[in-house]
Amino acid sequence: MIDTHAHVGTAAMAPRGEPCQSAEALLALMDQCNVQAAVLVPYLGFSDNRYLAESVGRYPKRFVGLAYVDWRQEKAAPL
């Protein structure tokens, strides 16, 4: 089984009232529920993707990541 939409991060990343968990906490939950892998998704509007990238780098067999890029920012990406 694959979870196609999971959030991980620090409390500073989560919108007010949203639960927040570390990558390691998510892995423990995944193991309990026989989930083989998960797609890590940033919170809506949160464009600092470093924690997700680090988590994917630490656990590449368990996580893949989706990054949010604020295309309105001047430094977002060249066209």
C-alpha atoms as a PDB file:
ATOM      1  CA  MET A   1       0.000   0.000   0.000  1.00  0.00           C
ATOM      2  CA  ILE A   2       1.185   3.528  -0.787  1.00  0.00           C
ATOM      3  CA  ASP A   3       0.001   6.703   0.931  1.00  0.00           C
ATOM      4  CA  THR A   4      -0.292   9.298  -1.818  1.00  0.00           C
ATOM      5  CA  HIS A   5      -0.615  12.392   0.367  1.00  0.00           C
ATOM      6  CA  ALA A   6       1.232  12.754   3.679  1.00  0.00           C
ATOM      7  CA  HIS A   7       2.508  15.834   5.503  1.00  0.00           C
ATOM      8  CA  VAL A   8       5.650  15.899   7.635  1.00  0.00           C
ATOM      9  CA  GLY A   9       7.596  18.778   9.071  1.00  0.00           C
ATOM     10  CA  THR A  10       8.092  20.988  12.053  1.00  0.00           C
ATOM     11  CA  ALA A  11       5.435  22.874  13.985  1.00  0.00           C
ATOM     12  CA  ALA A  12       6.490  26.081  12.198  1.00  0.00           C
ATOM     13  CA  MET A  13       5.476  24.531   8.867  1.00  0.00           C
ATOM     14  CA  ALA A  14       1.970  23.445   9.807  1.00  0.00           C
ATOM     15  CA  PRO A  15      -0.989  25.778   9.484  1.00  0.00           C
ATOM     16  CA  ARG A  16      -2.576  26.698  12.811  1.00  0.00           C
ATOM     17  CA  GLY A  17      -4.586  23.789  14.160  1.00  0.00           C
ATOM     18  CA  GLU A  18      -3.079  21.228  11.784  1.00  0.00           C
ATOM     19  CA  PRO A  19      -1.294  18.250  13.316  1.00  0.00           C
ATOM     20  CA  CYS A  20       2.407  18.053  12.613  1.00  0.00           C
ATOM     21  CA  GLN A  21       4.675  15.025  12.726  1.00  0.00           C
ATOM     22  CA  SER A  22       8.260  14.210  11.904  1.00  0.00           C
ATOM     23  CA  ALA A  23       9.319  11.893   9.102  1.00  0.00           C
ATOM     24  CA  GLU A  24      10.299   9.325  11.727  1.00  0.00           C
ATOM     25  CA  ALA A  25       6.864   9.484  13.379  1.00  0.00           C
ATOM     26  CA  LEU A  26       5.229   8.968   9.992  1.00  0.00           C
ATOM     27  CA  LEU A  27       7.494   5.978   9.312  1.00  0.00           C
ATOM     28  CA  ALA A  28       6.465   4.390  12.613  1.00  0.00           C
ATOM     29  CA  LEU A  29       2.792   4.858  11.735  1.00  0.00           C
ATOM     30  CA  MET A  30       3.392   3.501   8.230  1.00  0.00           C
ATOM     31  CA  ASP A  31       5.052   0.397   9.689  1.00  0.00           C
ATOM     32  CA  GLN A  32       2.100  -0.180  12.042  1.00  0.00           C
ATOM     33  CA  CYS A  33      -0.321   0.009   9.118  1.00  0.00           C
ATOM     34  CA  ASN A  34       1.753  -1.912   6.527  1.00  0.00           C
ATOM     35  CA  VAL A  35       2.203   1.133   4.313  1.00  0.00           C
ATOM     36  CA  GLN A  36       5.245   0.587   2.101  1.00  0.00           C
ATOM     37  CA  ALA A  37       5.817   4.123   0.837  1.00  0.00           C
ATOM     38  CA  ALA A  38       4.411   7.629   0.979  1.00  0.00           C
ATOM     39  CA  VAL A  39       4.342  10.752  -1.151  1.00  0.00           C
ATOM     40  CA  LEU A  40       5.331  13.714   1.016  1.00  0.00           C
ATOM     41  CA  VAL A  41       3.337  16.827   0.193  1.00  0.00           C
ATOM     42  CA  PRO A  42       4.060  20.330   1.556  1.00  0.00           C
ATOM     43  CA  TYR A  43       1.355  22.241   3.359  1.00  0.00           C
ATOM     44  CA  LEU A  44      -0.589  24.489   0.992  1.00  0.00           C
ATOM     45  CA  GLY A  45       1.372  27.640   0.216  1.00  0.00           C
ATOM     46  CA  PHE A  46       4.490  26.500   2.060  1.00  0.00           C
ATOM     47  CA  SER A  47       7.350  26.772  -0.431  1.00  0.00           C
ATOM     48  CA  ASP A  48      10.290  25.877   1.825  1.00  0.00           C
ATOM     49  CA  ASN A  49      10.770  22.294   0.685  1.00  0.00           C
ATOM     50  CA  ARG A  50      13.999  21.571   2.576  1.00  0.00           C
ATOM     51  CA  TYR A  51      12.508  19.315   5.266  1.00  0.00           C
ATOM     52  CA  LEU A  52      10.701  17.217   2.659  1.00  0.00           C
ATOM     53  CA  ALA A  53      13.849  16.949   0.533  1.00  0.00           C
ATOM     54  CA  GLU A  54      15.920  15.945   3.575  1.00  0.00           C
ATOM     55  CA  SER A  55      13.339  13.319   4.541  1.00  0.00           C
ATOM     56  CA  VAL A  56      13.322  11.843   1.043  1.00  0.00           C
ATOM     57  CA  GLY A  57      17.133  11.832   1.103  1.00  0.00           C
ATOM     58  CA  ARG A  58      17.219  10.002   4.457  1.00  0.00           C
ATOM     59  CA  TYR A  59      14.576   7.433   3.475  1.00  0.00           C
ATOM     60  CA  PRO A  60      14.617   7.126  -0.332  1.00  0.00           C
ATOM     61  CA  LYS A  61      13.049   3.661  -0.335  1.00  0.00           C
ATOM     62  CA  ARG A  62      10.057   4.864   1.685  1.00  0.00           C
ATOM     63  CA  PHE A  63       9.398   8.454   0.554  1.00  0.00           C
ATOM     64  CA  VAL A  64       9.062  10.433  -2.634  1.00  0.00           C
ATOM     65  CA  GLY A  65       8.323  14.131  -2.489  1.00  0.00           C
ATOM     66  CA  LEU A  66       6.220  16.745  -4.163  1.00  0.00           C
ATOM     67  CA  ALA A  67       7.566  20.298  -4.028  1.00  0.00           C
ATOM     68  CA  TYR A  68       5.592  23.508  -4.053  1.00  0.00           C
ATOM     69  CA  VAL A  69       7.172  26.308  -6.051  1.00  0.00           C
ATOM     70  CA  ASP A  70       5.684  29.786  -5.766  1.00  0.00           C
ATOM     71  CA  TRP A  71       5.924  30.721  -9.426  1.00  0.00           C
ATOM     72  CA  ARG A  72       5.090  34.344  -8.603  1.00  0.00           C
ATOM     73  CA  GLN A  73       8.461  34.841  -6.922  1.00  0.00           C
ATOM     74  CA  GLU A  74      11.208  36.380  -9.026  1.00  0.00           C
ATOM     75  CA  LYS A  75      13.673  33.602  -8.129  1.00  0.00           C
ATOM     76  CA  ALA A  76      11.193  30.714  -8.675  1.00  0.00           C
ATOM     77  CA  ALA A  77      12.467  29.356 -11.992  1.00  0.00           C
ATOM     78  CA  PRO A  78      13.578  30.768 -15.310  1.00  0.00           C
ATOM     79  CA  LEU A  79      11.086  30.514 -18.154  1.00  0.00           C
END
